[in-house]
Amino acid sequence: MFRCALFLQRQNLTTVQWEWFRISSQKSAASDRVQAFLEKLQEMSPELLHFIVNLADDNQNTALHYSVSHSNFHIVRLLLDTGTKRDICFEGLKYNNTF
């Protein structure tokens, strides 16, 4: 029973991660959709917003990494404006967004 619950949790997390990266991390991502998604997450729970914004894929890339690499600067601004603390690594250098 416990293994089944863990499997379902992992499956749900994978689905959420896939959906978040589909909405936020594509070259064709729409900033209005990302903003609406972020607003809904904030309404639900600031902790959930922090968790989702900082989700990383298998390469440890977040939506912020992809938005920067695709020059989606409107989305970059939306992600930074959430105020969630994140550490960002580019080519082995570590940055922290707390200015």
C-alpha atoms as a PDB file:
ATOM      1  CA  MET A   1       0.000   0.000   0.000  1.00  0.00           C
ATOM      2  CA  PHE A   2       2.782   2.435   0.941  1.00  0.00           C
ATOM      3  CA  ARG A   3       4.675   1.738  -2.315  1.00  0.00           C
ATOM      4  CA  CYS A   4       1.508   2.379  -4.283  1.00  0.00           C
ATOM      5  CA  ALA A   5       1.058   5.764  -2.573  1.00  0.00           C
ATOM      6  CA  LEU A   6       4.672   6.735  -3.294  1.00  0.00           C
ATOM      7  CA  PHE A   7       4.260   5.689  -6.919  1.00  0.00           C
ATOM      8  CA  LEU A   8       1.129   7.833  -7.253  1.00  0.00           C
ATOM      9  CA  GLN A   9       2.850  10.820  -5.626  1.00  0.00           C
ATOM     10  CA  ARG A  10       5.795  10.509  -8.014  1.00  0.00           C
ATOM     11  CA  GLN A  11       3.442  10.141 -10.969  1.00  0.00           C
ATOM     12  CA  ASN A  12       1.498  13.250  -9.886  1.00  0.00           C
ATOM     13  CA  LEU A  13       4.704  15.246  -9.445  1.00  0.00           C
ATOM     14  CA  THR A  14       5.873  14.182 -12.899  1.00  0.00           C
ATOM     15  CA  THR A  15       2.566  15.337 -14.385  1.00  0.00           C
ATOM     16  CA  VAL A  16       2.757  18.714 -12.613  1.00  0.00           C
ATOM     17  CA  GLN A  17       6.382  19.152 -13.670  1.00  0.00           C
ATOM     18  CA  TRP A  18       5.581  18.299 -17.282  1.00  0.00           C
ATOM     19  CA  GLU A  19       2.678  20.756 -17.350  1.00  0.00           C
ATOM     20  CA  TRP A  20       4.720  23.540 -15.711  1.00  0.00           C
ATOM     21  CA  PHE A  21       7.564  23.170 -18.215  1.00  0.00           C
ATOM     22  CA  ARG A  22       5.056  22.988 -21.097  1.00  0.00           C
ATOM     23  CA  ILE A  23       3.494  26.285 -20.021  1.00  0.00           C
ATOM     24  CA  SER A  24       6.594  28.177 -18.938  1.00  0.00           C
ATOM     25  CA  SER A  25       9.670  26.848 -20.670  1.00  0.00           C
ATOM     26  CA  GLN A  26       8.953  26.607 -24.373  1.00  0.00           C
ATOM     27  CA  LYS A  27      10.325  29.129 -26.841  1.00  0.00           C
ATOM     28  CA  SER A  28       6.709  29.933 -27.748  1.00  0.00           C
ATOM     29  CA  ALA A  29       5.564  30.289 -24.100  1.00  0.00           C
ATOM     30  CA  ALA A  30       2.921  32.989 -23.592  1.00  0.00           C
ATOM     31  CA  SER A  31       3.578  35.365 -20.706  1.00  0.00           C
ATOM     32  CA  ASP A  32      -0.152  35.879 -20.025  1.00  0.00           C
ATOM     33  CA  ARG A  33      -0.633  32.121 -19.491  1.00  0.00           C
ATOM     34  CA  VAL A  34       2.418  31.942 -17.234  1.00  0.00           C
ATOM     35  CA  GLN A  35       1.191  34.952 -15.251  1.00  0.00           C
ATOM     36  CA  ALA A  36      -2.274  33.416 -14.785  1.00  0.00           C
ATOM     37  CA  PHE A  37      -0.702  30.124 -13.667  1.00  0.00           C
ATOM     38  CA  LEU A  38       1.585  31.908 -11.175  1.00  0.00           C
ATOM     39  CA  GLU A  39      -1.308  33.967  -9.786  1.00  0.00           C
ATOM     40  CA  LYS A  40      -3.391  30.834  -9.251  1.00  0.00           C
ATOM     41  CA  LEU A  41      -0.484  29.126  -7.485  1.00  0.00           C
ATOM     42  CA  GLN A  42      -0.025  32.165  -5.223  1.00  0.00           C
ATOM     43  CA  GLU A  43      -3.725  32.073  -4.328  1.00  0.00           C
ATOM     44  CA  MET A  44      -3.483  28.378  -3.495  1.00  0.00           C
ATOM     45  CA  SER A  45      -0.286  28.548  -1.440  1.00  0.00           C
ATOM     46  CA  PRO A  46       2.929  30.616  -1.445  1.00  0.00           C
ATOM     47  CA  GLU A  47       4.802  27.405  -0.582  1.00  0.00           C
ATOM     48  CA  LEU A  48       3.344  25.682  -3.632  1.00  0.00           C
ATOM     49  CA  LEU A  49       4.325  28.660  -5.802  1.00  0.00           C
ATOM     50  CA  HIS A  50       7.899  28.444  -4.490  1.00  0.00           C
ATOM     51  CA  PHE A  51       8.006  24.695  -5.107  1.00  0.00           C
ATOM     52  CA  ILE A  52       6.678  24.892  -8.681  1.00  0.00           C
ATOM     53  CA  VAL A  53       8.810  27.886  -9.733  1.00  0.00           C
ATOM     54  CA  ASN A  54      11.926  26.042  -8.549  1.00  0.00           C
ATOM     55  CA  LEU A  55      11.129  22.662 -10.122  1.00  0.00           C
ATOM     56  CA  ALA A  56      14.124  21.377 -12.034  1.00  0.00           C
ATOM     57  CA  ASP A  57      14.234  18.858 -14.851  1.00  0.00           C
ATOM     58  CA  ASP A  58      16.649  15.933 -15.138  1.00  0.00           C
ATOM     59  CA  ASN A  59      19.397  18.372 -16.212  1.00  0.00           C
ATOM     60  CA  GLN A  60      18.733  20.570 -13.141  1.00  0.00           C
ATOM     61  CA  ASN A  61      17.322  23.341 -15.351  1.00  0.00           C
ATOM     62  CA  THR A  62      14.386  25.396 -14.097  1.00  0.00           C
ATOM     63  CA  ALA A  63      11.820  27.438 -16.001  1.00  0.00           C
ATOM     64  CA  LEU A  64      14.066  30.449 -15.377  1.00  0.00           C
ATOM     65  CA  HIS A  65      16.969  28.753 -17.151  1.00  0.00           C
ATOM     66  CA  TYR A  66      14.815  27.966 -20.168  1.00  0.00           C
ATOM     67  CA  SER A  67      13.220  31.411 -20.265  1.00  0.00           C
ATOM     68  CA  VAL A  68      16.631  33.070 -20.296  1.00  0.00           C
ATOM     69  CA  SER A  69      17.967  30.702 -22.950  1.00  0.00           C
ATOM     70  CA  HIS A  70      14.899  31.371 -25.155  1.00  0.00           C
ATOM     71  CA  SER A  71      15.117  35.143 -24.562  1.00  0.00           C
ATOM     72  CA  ASN A  72      11.601  35.122 -23.070  1.00  0.00           C
ATOM     73  CA  PHE A  73      12.380  38.107 -20.892  1.00  0.00           C
ATOM     74  CA  HIS A  74       8.728  38.804 -20.025  1.00  0.00           C
ATOM     75  CA  ILE A  75       8.581  35.360 -18.468  1.00  0.00           C
ATOM     76  CA  VAL A  76      11.969  35.870 -16.794  1.00  0.00           C
ATOM     77  CA  ARG A  77      10.557  38.997 -15.153  1.00  0.00           C
ATOM     78  CA  LEU A  78       7.394  37.150 -14.045  1.00  0.00           C
ATOM     79  CA  LEU A  79       9.460  34.392 -12.469  1.00  0.00           C
ATOM     80  CA  LEU A  80      11.763  36.837 -10.695  1.00  0.00           C
ATOM     81  CA  ASP A  81       8.791  38.914  -9.540  1.00  0.00           C
ATOM     82  CA  THR A  82       7.400  35.936  -7.626  1.00  0.00           C
ATOM     83  CA  GLY A  83      10.043  36.701  -5.021  1.00  0.00           C
ATOM     84  CA  THR A  84      10.840  33.048  -4.494  1.00  0.00           C
ATOM     85  CA  LYS A  85      14.423  32.479  -3.473  1.00  0.00           C
ATOM     86  CA  ARG A  86      16.359  30.351  -5.886  1.00  0.00           C
ATOM     87  CA  ASP A  87      19.954  29.507  -6.580  1.00  0.00           C
ATOM     88  CA  ILE A  88      20.866  29.608 -10.238  1.00  0.00           C
ATOM     89  CA  CYS A  89      23.814  27.733 -11.708  1.00  0.00           C
ATOM     90  CA  PHE A  90      25.169  28.562 -15.148  1.00  0.00           C
ATOM     91  CA  GLU A  91      28.220  26.675 -16.382  1.00  0.00           C
ATOM     92  CA  GLY A  92      29.361  25.762 -12.910  1.00  0.00           C
ATOM     93  CA  LEU A  93      28.946  29.261 -11.456  1.00  0.00           C
ATOM     94  CA  LYS A  94      26.379  29.672  -8.729  1.00  0.00           C
ATOM     95  CA  TYR A  95      24.275  32.822  -8.378  1.00  0.00           C
ATOM     96  CA  ASN A  96      21.641  33.740  -5.851  1.00  0.00           C
ATOM     97  CA  ASN A  97      18.748  35.991  -6.847  1.00  0.00           C
ATOM     98  CA  THR A  98      18.533  37.801  -3.508  1.00  0.00           C
ATOM     99  CA  PHE A  99      19.798  41.242  -4.458  1.00  0.00           C
END
